[in-house]
Protein backbone atom coordinates (compact mmCIF):
# COMPACT_ATOMS: atom_id res chain seq x y z
CA UNK A 1 38.06 26.12 -24.13
CA UNK A 2 35.48 23.43 -23.35
CA UNK A 3 31.99 24.68 -22.61
CA UNK A 4 32.81 28.03 -24.19
CA UNK A 5 29.27 29.51 -24.24
CA UNK A 6 28.89 28.92 -20.51
CA UNK A 7 32.35 30.36 -19.90
CA UNK A 8 31.56 33.51 -21.86
CA UNK A 9 28.25 33.89 -20.06
CA UNK A 10 29.95 33.55 -16.69
CA UNK A 11 32.51 36.21 -17.61
CA UNK A 12 29.80 38.56 -18.89
CA UNK A 13 27.48 38.05 -15.93
CA UNK A 14 29.96 37.67 -13.12
CA UNK A 15 28.80 40.88 -11.44
CA UNK A 16 27.27 43.37 -13.91
CA UNK A 17 24.20 41.09 -13.96
CA UNK A 18 23.54 42.34 -10.44
CA UNK A 19 23.45 46.01 -11.44
CA UNK A 20 19.68 46.39 -11.58
CA UNK A 21 19.19 49.84 -10.02
CA UNK A 22 20.56 51.62 -13.06
CA UNK A 23 19.69 52.56 -16.61
CA UNK A 24 20.74 50.39 -19.54
CA UNK A 25 23.42 52.94 -20.38
CA UNK A 26 24.80 52.87 -16.84
CA UNK A 27 24.90 49.07 -16.87
CA UNK A 28 26.74 49.18 -20.18
CA UNK A 29 29.30 51.57 -18.70
CA UNK A 30 29.83 49.20 -15.75
CA UNK A 31 30.51 46.31 -18.14
CA UNK A 32 32.94 48.42 -20.15
CA UNK A 33 34.76 49.43 -16.96
CA UNK A 34 34.98 45.79 -15.96
CA UNK A 35 36.50 44.73 -19.25
CA UNK A 36 38.92 47.63 -19.24
CA UNK A 37 40.24 46.99 -15.73
CA UNK A 38 40.63 43.31 -16.59
CA UNK A 39 42.73 44.23 -19.61
CA UNK A 40 44.82 46.86 -17.85
CA UNK A 41 45.40 45.29 -14.41
CA UNK A 42 46.87 41.76 -14.31
CA UNK A 43 45.53 41.21 -10.79
CA UNK A 44 41.95 41.79 -11.94
CA UNK A 45 42.42 39.74 -15.10
CA UNK A 46 43.45 36.66 -13.13
CA UNK A 47 40.65 37.12 -10.58
CA UNK A 48 38.00 37.68 -13.25
CA UNK A 49 38.95 34.52 -15.12
CA UNK A 50 39.18 32.43 -11.95
CA UNK A 51 35.90 33.78 -10.56
CA UNK A 52 34.03 33.27 -13.84
CA UNK A 53 35.26 29.68 -13.98
CA UNK A 54 34.25 29.15 -10.37
CA UNK A 55 30.69 30.24 -11.12
CA UNK A 56 30.54 27.50 -13.74
CA UNK A 57 31.68 25.03 -11.09
CA UNK A 58 28.92 26.28 -8.78
CA UNK A 59 26.18 25.34 -11.24
CA UNK A 60 25.14 21.75 -10.52
CA UNK A 61 23.92 21.45 -14.12
CA UNK A 62 27.45 21.72 -15.50
CA UNK A 63 29.90 18.87 -15.82
CA UNK A 64 33.25 18.96 -14.08
CA UNK A 65 36.05 20.71 -15.92
CA UNK A 66 38.53 18.56 -17.83
CA UNK A 67 41.81 18.26 -15.98
CA UNK A 68 43.68 20.75 -18.16
CA UNK A 69 40.98 23.41 -17.71
CA UNK A 70 40.91 22.84 -13.95
CA UNK A 71 44.69 23.27 -13.80
CA UNK A 72 44.39 26.52 -15.75
CA UNK A 73 41.67 27.78 -13.39
CA UNK A 74 43.81 27.05 -10.36
CA UNK A 75 46.78 28.86 -11.92
CA UNK A 76 44.73 32.01 -12.47
CA UNK A 77 43.35 31.72 -8.95
CA UNK A 78 46.77 31.30 -7.35
CA UNK A 79 48.25 34.18 -9.33
CA UNK A 80 45.34 36.48 -8.53
CA UNK A 81 45.48 35.68 -4.80
CA UNK A 82 49.22 36.31 -4.71
CA UNK A 83 48.83 39.70 -6.38
CA UNK A 84 45.94 40.82 -4.16
CA UNK A 85 47.89 39.78 -1.05
CA UNK A 86 50.77 41.97 -2.20
CA UNK A 87 48.40 44.90 -2.78
CA UNK A 88 46.97 44.56 0.73
CA UNK A 89 50.44 44.42 2.27
CA UNK A 90 51.44 47.64 0.48
CA UNK A 91 48.14 49.42 1.18
CA UNK A 92 48.44 52.77 2.94
CA UNK A 93 45.17 54.44 3.85
CA UNK A 94 41.67 53.55 2.63
CA UNK A 95 41.40 51.01 -0.17
CA UNK A 96 40.45 52.28 -3.64
CA UNK A 97 37.35 51.02 -5.41
CA UNK A 98 39.43 48.73 -7.58
CA UNK A 99 40.95 46.88 -4.62
CA UNK A 100 37.57 46.48 -2.92
CA UNK A 101 36.29 45.10 -6.21
CA UNK A 102 39.19 42.65 -6.24
CA UNK A 103 38.31 41.50 -2.72
CA UNK A 104 34.76 40.78 -3.84
CA UNK A 105 36.24 38.58 -6.55
CA UNK A 106 38.41 36.81 -3.99
CA UNK A 107 35.34 36.00 -1.90
CA UNK A 108 33.89 34.23 -4.94
CA UNK A 109 36.83 31.84 -5.29
CA UNK A 110 35.72 29.43 -2.57
CA UNK A 111 34.65 25.88 -3.36
CA UNK A 112 30.97 25.21 -4.10
CA UNK A 113 29.05 23.10 -1.61
CA UNK A 114 28.96 19.65 -3.27
CA UNK A 115 25.86 18.54 -1.36
CA UNK A 116 22.70 18.15 -3.40
CA UNK A 117 19.30 18.36 -1.75
CA UNK A 118 16.05 17.48 -3.48
CA UNK A 119 13.74 20.44 -3.95
CA UNK A 120 10.85 19.92 -1.54
CA UNK A 121 9.21 23.20 -2.57
CA UNK A 122 8.91 24.72 -6.03
CA UNK A 123 11.65 27.35 -6.55
CA UNK A 124 10.65 30.98 -6.82
CA UNK A 125 11.17 32.73 -10.17
CA UNK A 126 13.61 34.94 -8.25
CA UNK A 127 15.87 31.97 -7.42
CA UNK A 128 17.91 32.47 -10.59
CA UNK A 129 17.16 36.12 -11.34
CA UNK A 130 20.35 37.30 -9.59
CA UNK A 131 22.29 34.05 -9.86
CA UNK A 132 21.50 33.39 -6.21
CA UNK A 133 21.49 29.69 -7.07
CA UNK A 134 25.20 30.03 -7.92
CA UNK A 135 26.58 32.59 -5.48
CA UNK A 136 24.89 31.01 -2.48
CA UNK A 137 26.43 27.60 -3.20
CA UNK A 138 29.93 28.99 -2.67
CA UNK A 139 31.40 28.39 0.76
CA UNK A 140 31.39 31.41 3.08
CA UNK A 141 34.73 31.97 4.83
CA UNK A 142 34.08 34.38 7.73
CA UNK A 143 37.65 35.69 7.89
CA UNK A 144 37.50 36.61 4.20
CA UNK A 145 34.18 38.39 4.65
CA UNK A 146 35.55 40.21 7.69
CA UNK A 147 38.56 41.46 5.73
CA UNK A 148 36.30 42.85 3.00
CA UNK A 149 34.01 44.41 5.60
CA UNK A 150 36.91 46.20 7.26
CA UNK A 151 38.06 47.68 3.94
CA UNK A 152 34.57 49.01 3.24
CA UNK A 153 34.15 50.44 6.74
CA UNK A 154 37.51 52.23 6.53
CA UNK A 155 36.32 53.79 3.28
CA UNK A 156 33.25 55.14 5.06
CA UNK A 157 30.65 52.59 3.98
CA UNK A 158 29.22 51.43 0.69
CA UNK A 159 27.67 54.84 -0.01
CA UNK A 160 31.19 56.22 -0.62
CA UNK A 161 31.84 53.81 -3.50
CA UNK A 162 31.53 55.22 -7.01
CA UNK A 163 32.96 52.83 -9.59
CA UNK A 164 32.12 49.39 -10.99
CA UNK A 165 28.59 49.41 -9.57
CA UNK A 166 30.07 48.73 -6.15
CA UNK A 167 27.19 50.07 -4.02
CA UNK A 168 24.75 47.54 -5.43
CA UNK A 169 27.28 44.70 -5.54
CA UNK A 170 28.15 45.21 -1.89
CA UNK A 171 24.50 45.63 -0.93
CA UNK A 172 23.70 42.30 -2.60
CA UNK A 173 26.73 40.53 -1.11
CA UNK A 174 25.91 41.85 2.37
CA UNK A 175 22.31 40.70 2.04
CA UNK A 176 23.27 37.24 0.84
CA UNK A 177 25.99 36.59 3.43
CA UNK A 178 23.91 37.90 6.33
CA UNK A 179 20.99 35.71 5.24
CA UNK A 180 23.19 32.64 5.11
CA UNK A 181 24.76 33.30 8.49
CA UNK A 182 21.55 34.34 10.22
CA UNK A 183 22.76 37.86 11.00
CA UNK A 184 21.40 41.33 10.41
CA UNK A 185 22.94 43.09 7.38
CA UNK A 186 26.16 44.95 8.09
CA UNK A 187 25.15 47.99 6.03
CA UNK A 188 21.98 50.09 5.84
CA UNK A 189 19.98 50.11 2.63
CA UNK A 190 21.54 52.87 0.51
CA UNK A 191 19.89 52.21 -2.84
CA UNK A 192 16.86 54.25 -3.92
CA UNK A 193 13.64 53.08 -2.22
CA UNK A 194 11.25 51.27 -4.52
CA UNK A 195 7.54 50.44 -4.24
CA UNK A 196 6.59 47.93 -6.91
CA UNK A 197 2.83 48.56 -6.86
CA UNK A 198 3.17 52.35 -6.73
CA UNK A 199 6.04 52.70 -9.18
CA UNK A 200 5.75 54.56 -12.49
CA UNK A 201 6.47 51.54 -14.71
CA UNK A 202 3.86 49.02 -13.52
CA UNK A 203 0.10 49.31 -13.51
CA UNK A 204 -1.50 46.37 -11.64
CA UNK A 205 -4.31 44.63 -13.52
CA UNK A 206 -7.65 43.66 -11.99
CA UNK A 207 -6.35 40.33 -10.65
CA UNK A 208 -3.40 42.06 -9.01
CA UNK A 209 -5.64 44.70 -7.47
CA UNK A 210 -7.95 42.04 -6.03
CA UNK A 211 -5.01 40.09 -4.62
CA UNK A 212 -3.53 43.23 -3.08
CA UNK A 213 -6.82 43.90 -1.28
CA UNK A 214 -6.49 40.60 0.61
CA UNK A 215 -2.81 39.84 1.13
CA UNK A 216 -1.38 41.32 4.31
CA UNK A 217 -4.72 42.40 5.78
CA UNK A 218 -4.29 39.97 8.66
CA UNK A 219 -1.26 41.86 9.94
CA UNK A 220 -3.43 44.63 11.38
CA UNK A 221 -3.05 42.83 14.70
CA UNK A 222 0.67 43.52 14.50
CA UNK A 223 0.38 47.28 14.00
CA UNK A 224 0.21 48.22 17.71
CA UNK A 225 2.93 45.66 18.48
CA UNK A 226 5.49 46.57 15.84
CA UNK A 227 4.56 48.83 12.93
CA UNK A 228 7.97 48.35 11.31
CA UNK A 229 7.55 44.59 11.11
CA UNK A 230 3.91 44.86 10.00
CA UNK A 231 4.85 47.26 7.19
CA UNK A 232 7.75 45.06 6.07
CA UNK A 233 5.42 42.06 5.87
CA UNK A 234 2.89 44.08 3.89
CA UNK A 235 5.67 45.23 1.56
CA UNK A 236 6.49 41.56 0.98
CA UNK A 237 2.85 41.11 0.06
CA UNK A 238 3.11 43.86 -2.56
CA UNK A 239 6.11 42.16 -4.13
CA UNK A 240 4.18 38.89 -4.14
CA UNK A 241 1.30 40.52 -6.04
CA UNK A 242 3.68 41.78 -8.73
CA UNK A 243 5.51 38.45 -8.87
CA UNK A 244 2.22 36.61 -9.31
CA UNK A 245 1.33 38.87 -12.25
CA UNK A 246 4.73 38.22 -13.83
CA UNK A 247 4.70 34.46 -13.26
CA UNK A 248 1.22 33.97 -14.69
CA UNK A 249 2.21 35.75 -17.89
CA UNK A 250 -0.78 38.06 -17.82
CA UNK A 251 -0.73 41.12 -20.12
CA UNK A 252 1.42 44.11 -19.13
CA UNK A 253 3.40 42.40 -16.36
CA UNK A 254 5.95 44.24 -14.22
CA UNK A 255 9.60 44.09 -15.22
CA UNK A 256 11.55 41.34 -13.51
CA UNK A 257 14.28 43.87 -12.69
CA UNK A 258 11.77 46.00 -10.79
CA UNK A 259 10.52 42.95 -8.89
CA UNK A 260 14.10 42.04 -7.95
CA UNK A 261 14.80 45.55 -6.66
CA UNK A 262 11.63 45.62 -4.56
CA UNK A 263 12.23 42.09 -3.27
CA UNK A 264 15.81 42.85 -2.22
CA UNK A 265 14.78 46.00 -0.38
CA UNK A 266 11.96 44.18 1.40
CA UNK A 267 14.24 41.30 2.37
CA UNK A 268 16.70 43.82 3.78
CA UNK A 269 13.90 45.33 5.90
CA UNK A 270 12.97 41.93 7.30
CA UNK A 271 16.59 40.87 7.83
CA UNK A 272 17.37 44.16 9.56
CA UNK A 273 14.76 43.42 12.23
CA UNK A 274 17.01 41.32 14.40
CA UNK A 275 15.73 39.48 17.46
CA UNK A 276 14.91 41.86 20.28
CA UNK A 277 13.74 41.18 23.80
CA UNK A 278 13.39 43.95 26.40
CA UNK A 279 14.35 43.44 30.03
CA UNK A 280 10.72 42.99 31.02
CA UNK A 281 9.17 41.33 27.96
CA UNK A 282 5.46 41.16 27.33
CA UNK A 283 3.51 38.49 25.50
CA UNK A 284 3.47 40.71 22.43
CA UNK A 285 7.28 40.85 22.37
CA UNK A 286 7.39 37.08 22.00
CA UNK A 287 4.66 37.21 19.37
CA UNK A 288 6.63 39.84 17.46
CA UNK A 289 9.61 37.50 17.31
CA UNK A 290 7.46 34.60 16.09
CA UNK A 291 6.14 36.73 13.23
CA UNK A 292 9.60 38.08 12.42
CA UNK A 293 11.03 34.60 11.92
CA UNK A 294 7.97 33.48 9.94
CA UNK A 295 8.46 36.49 7.67
CA UNK A 296 12.09 35.52 7.08
CA UNK A 297 10.97 32.01 6.13
CA UNK A 298 8.54 33.43 3.58
CA UNK A 299 11.23 35.73 2.22
CA UNK A 300 13.60 32.79 1.79
CA UNK A 301 10.90 30.89 -0.06
CA UNK A 302 9.74 33.69 -2.34
CA UNK A 303 11.67 36.99 -2.26
CA UNK A 304 15.33 36.13 -1.69
CA UNK A 305 15.40 32.36 -2.22
CA UNK A 306 18.72 30.77 -1.36
CA UNK A 307 19.38 27.20 -2.55
CA UNK A 308 18.76 24.29 -0.15
CA UNK A 309 22.52 23.84 0.28
CA UNK A 310 22.58 27.13 2.21
CA UNK A 311 20.55 25.48 4.98
CA UNK A 312 18.59 28.65 5.73
CA UNK A 313 15.12 27.13 6.00
CA UNK A 314 15.98 24.38 8.51
CA UNK A 315 17.81 26.94 10.65
CA UNK A 316 14.86 29.32 10.56
CA UNK A 317 12.50 26.45 11.39
CA UNK A 318 14.56 25.79 14.51
CA UNK A 319 14.46 29.48 15.42
CA UNK A 320 10.70 29.58 14.95
CA UNK A 321 10.27 26.49 17.12
CA UNK A 322 12.21 28.17 19.93
CA UNK A 323 10.33 31.45 19.48
CA UNK A 324 7.02 29.61 19.60
CA UNK A 325 7.98 27.72 22.75
CA UNK A 326 9.03 30.95 24.46
CA UNK A 327 5.73 32.57 23.49
CA UNK A 328 3.66 29.70 24.85
CA UNK A 329 5.61 29.44 28.11
CA UNK A 330 5.22 33.16 28.78
CA UNK A 331 1.55 33.08 27.81
CA UNK A 332 0.86 30.18 30.17
CA UNK A 333 2.64 31.93 33.04
CA UNK A 334 0.81 35.18 32.35
CA UNK A 335 -2.57 33.44 32.16
CA UNK A 336 -1.93 31.76 35.51
CA UNK A 337 -1.38 35.15 37.14
CA UNK A 338 -4.46 36.83 35.69
CA UNK A 339 -7.79 36.99 37.43
CA UNK A 340 -10.27 34.41 36.23
CA UNK A 341 -12.39 35.82 33.44
CA UNK A 342 -9.77 38.33 32.29
CA UNK A 343 -9.73 38.48 28.50
CA UNK A 344 -6.49 38.07 26.56
CA UNK A 345 -6.29 39.05 22.91
CA UNK A 346 -6.51 36.00 20.69
CA UNK A 347 -3.63 35.62 18.22
CA UNK A 348 -4.62 32.14 17.03
CA UNK A 349 -4.99 33.05 13.35
CA UNK A 350 -1.66 34.86 13.25
CA UNK A 351 0.04 31.90 14.90
CA UNK A 352 -1.59 29.48 12.46
CA UNK A 353 0.09 31.36 9.63
CA UNK A 354 3.46 31.35 11.40
CA UNK A 355 3.19 27.64 12.25
CA UNK A 356 2.32 26.81 8.65
CA UNK A 357 5.47 28.53 7.42
CA UNK A 358 7.41 26.71 10.11
CA UNK A 359 6.01 23.44 8.83
CA UNK A 360 7.06 24.30 5.28
CA UNK A 361 10.57 25.27 6.41
CA UNK A 362 10.92 22.05 8.41
CA UNK A 363 10.09 19.61 5.62
CA UNK A 364 12.51 16.65 5.76
CA UNK A 365 13.86 17.78 9.14
CA UNK A 366 13.35 16.45 12.70
CA UNK A 367 11.39 19.61 13.58
CA UNK A 368 8.49 18.86 11.26
CA UNK A 369 6.47 16.78 13.80
CA UNK A 370 6.52 19.72 16.21
CA UNK A 371 4.84 22.03 13.71
CA UNK A 372 2.31 19.40 12.69
CA UNK A 373 1.36 18.88 16.33
CA UNK A 374 1.12 22.61 17.02
CA UNK A 375 -1.04 23.13 13.95
CA UNK A 376 -3.38 20.44 15.25
CA UNK A 377 -3.68 22.26 18.56
CA UNK A 378 -4.29 25.69 17.03
CA UNK A 379 -6.71 24.55 14.33
CA UNK A 380 -8.93 23.16 17.08
CA UNK A 381 -8.89 26.58 18.74
CA UNK A 382 -10.16 28.25 15.56
CA UNK A 383 -13.03 26.09 14.28
CA UNK A 384 -13.79 28.33 11.31
CA UNK A 385 -10.97 26.73 9.30
CA UNK A 386 -12.44 23.26 9.48
CA UNK A 387 -11.58 22.43 5.86
CA UNK A 388 -8.84 23.04 3.35
CA UNK A 389 -10.57 25.91 1.57
CA UNK A 390 -11.14 27.95 4.71
CA UNK A 391 -7.61 27.23 5.89
CA UNK A 392 -5.91 28.36 2.68
CA UNK A 393 -8.17 31.42 2.48
CA UNK A 394 -7.04 32.40 5.96
CA UNK A 395 -3.39 32.04 4.92
CA UNK A 396 -4.04 34.41 1.99
CA UNK A 397 -4.87 37.25 4.38
CA UNK A 398 -1.34 37.16 5.74
CA UNK A 399 1.70 36.52 3.54
CA UNK A 400 1.09 33.79 1.01
CA UNK A 401 1.65 32.76 -2.61
CA UNK A 402 -0.28 29.76 -3.88
CA UNK A 403 2.15 29.14 -6.76
CA UNK A 404 4.90 28.07 -4.36
CA UNK A 405 3.21 27.27 -1.07
CA UNK A 406 -0.15 25.66 -1.83
CA UNK A 407 1.09 22.19 -2.81
CA UNK A 408 3.48 21.60 0.13
CA UNK A 409 0.95 23.20 2.47
CA UNK A 410 -1.59 20.62 1.31
CA UNK A 411 0.82 17.89 2.39
CA UNK A 412 1.16 19.52 5.81
CA UNK A 413 -2.62 19.86 6.09
CA UNK A 414 -3.07 16.18 5.29
CA UNK A 415 -0.71 15.25 8.10
CA UNK A 416 -2.45 17.63 10.47
CA UNK A 417 -5.90 16.23 9.73
CA UNK A 418 -5.01 12.55 9.44
CA UNK A 419 -2.42 12.27 12.20
CA UNK A 420 -2.97 9.43 14.67
CA UNK A 421 -2.65 11.92 17.53
CA UNK A 422 -5.78 11.60 19.60
CA UNK A 423 -7.61 14.91 19.66
CA UNK A 424 -11.00 13.42 20.38
CA UNK A 425 -11.11 14.89 23.87
CA UNK A 426 -10.93 18.35 22.30
CA UNK A 427 -13.56 17.67 19.65
CA UNK A 428 -12.31 17.25 16.11
CA UNK A 429 -13.11 19.96 13.62
CA UNK A 430 -11.00 18.67 10.75
CA UNK A 431 -12.15 17.92 7.26
CA UNK A 432 -9.81 16.86 4.49
CA UNK A 433 -10.92 17.91 0.99
CA UNK A 434 -10.43 15.55 -1.91
CA UNK A 435 -11.48 15.42 -5.51
CA UNK A 436 -13.07 12.02 -4.89
CA UNK A 437 -13.64 11.82 -1.15
CA UNK A 438 -14.38 8.56 0.54
CA UNK A 439 -15.79 8.04 4.05
CA UNK A 440 -12.32 7.30 5.40
CA UNK A 441 -11.07 10.67 4.15
CA UNK A 442 -13.39 12.64 6.39
CA UNK A 443 -13.60 13.28 10.10
CA UNK A 444 -16.98 14.55 11.32
CA UNK A 445 -17.14 18.29 11.90
CA UNK A 446 -19.70 20.49 13.55
CA UNK A 447 -21.54 23.12 11.53
CA UNK A 448 -19.49 26.27 11.10
CA UNK A 449 -20.43 29.77 10.12
CA UNK A 450 -19.58 30.49 6.51
CA UNK A 451 -17.93 33.64 5.18
CA UNK A 452 -17.07 34.91 8.63
CA UNK A 453 -14.78 37.61 7.32
CA UNK A 454 -14.62 39.71 4.16
CA UNK A 455 -10.87 39.02 4.16
CA UNK A 456 -11.59 35.45 3.13
CA UNK A 457 -13.08 36.32 -0.29
CA UNK A 458 -11.09 34.32 -2.85
CA UNK A 459 -11.90 32.35 -5.99
CA UNK A 460 -13.44 28.94 -5.25
CA UNK A 461 -11.02 26.04 -5.00
CA UNK A 462 -11.43 22.46 -6.11
CA UNK A 463 -9.68 20.17 -3.70
CA UNK A 464 -6.10 20.09 -2.53
CA UNK A 465 -3.44 20.52 -5.22
CA UNK A 466 -1.35 17.60 -6.40
CA UNK A 467 1.83 17.61 -8.49
CA UNK A 468 -0.25 16.79 -11.56
CA UNK A 469 -2.90 19.41 -10.89
CA UNK A 470 -0.78 22.35 -9.78
CA UNK A 471 -0.45 25.23 -12.18
CA UNK A 472 2.69 25.30 -14.26
CA UNK A 473 4.52 28.54 -14.81
CA UNK A 474 4.48 30.10 -18.28
CA UNK A 475 7.56 32.00 -17.08
CA UNK A 476 10.36 29.53 -16.28
CA UNK A 477 12.77 31.04 -13.77
CA UNK A 478 15.47 32.93 -15.57
CA UNK A 479 18.18 35.49 -15.11
CA UNK A 480 17.56 39.20 -15.17
CA UNK A 481 18.29 40.31 -18.69
CA UNK A 482 20.15 43.55 -19.19
């Protein structure tokens, strides 16, 4: 068969690659069970071959199959679909594990999205760790997902599954599909909880400890508003610390498998916090929703990164735009009703972080000008971030990873500071850093207090990053190795 190594890899990794919450022996047993059922059950044999071939089609790096191979793939697919249809028609009572496994295979037989988008932001090392770059390019057919969901529900949920590593496979599939469709996950998290920084297998080094003392500290404002969201965002910060250690190739890094497990659990927490709005909402309810969507954007960029073809980031940018508008409308109405001189808590810094993530998610979309304009307005309200260094240090106190976000954020910052929008009536406080600044690169700024917060303590920076100056990863993104 043409492209045999890739074909063998696809067959080997079609699903056991996703079994990360297990020992090496347990993973080996899953693989053996997979091979055995493929040999003993014609239905599964046809579906395994067709699904493995379809994963090769989903990889944009691979060439199209020769005509004879494509015909063979379609034959296996047609035969497998016919056999699984017959099984479903004859089904009496709850479906066995084997049939649910077959339905997962069927869901992976859809055509890949042929659209190719240029990467506007550096991919996370987790983009390929679970073959997300392949699975998420396959078309989602809601009726097919619904049929699988009904089988699982009739069995009593994914916690009742025992064979073939089904609990983790279904947990992953649920997380991926819900993320693509913008829904909360259908199932609760049933896998063992995992804290990457407090686990027994990873001891953070000094750099990781220092980073962990800064990241997420800005979310203290969220604690009285929504502790669940604040804790989920801080958990995302912990995963980021471990991922930074791994990516930089420093001694004694965490295992990629452990990072994947912690990232998936954290993404499930964030995804499970669906939009909520009480009958009589307060300003903080709208703020909560702004931060929730911003957290999902960060998760899509770093923790559970779906390929651009999934269209998640542009959708989330639109949701954040709407959430921000709702917040500002309510805030303006509330301010108009308050007595003059009444203090309202200032959430400017938190909103600057959310707007920055909105700007990153809206790159190459019609919504980008909105976020640039809003950032201009909010930077003026917080004069302590008058230059690039102070701005990026503020971002680090929330949820941030320089490796992925610093370079595109520098592009956003440039547009914010050099936009032709006239902000002179508000008093400009912008300064654009540059390795070789010229008079035209700077806009006069008033003196500002330095080191206003201990949260801003970070290593000194040397101008905005450029593609040539940004740090390259000693760890190219790769698959989780079993």
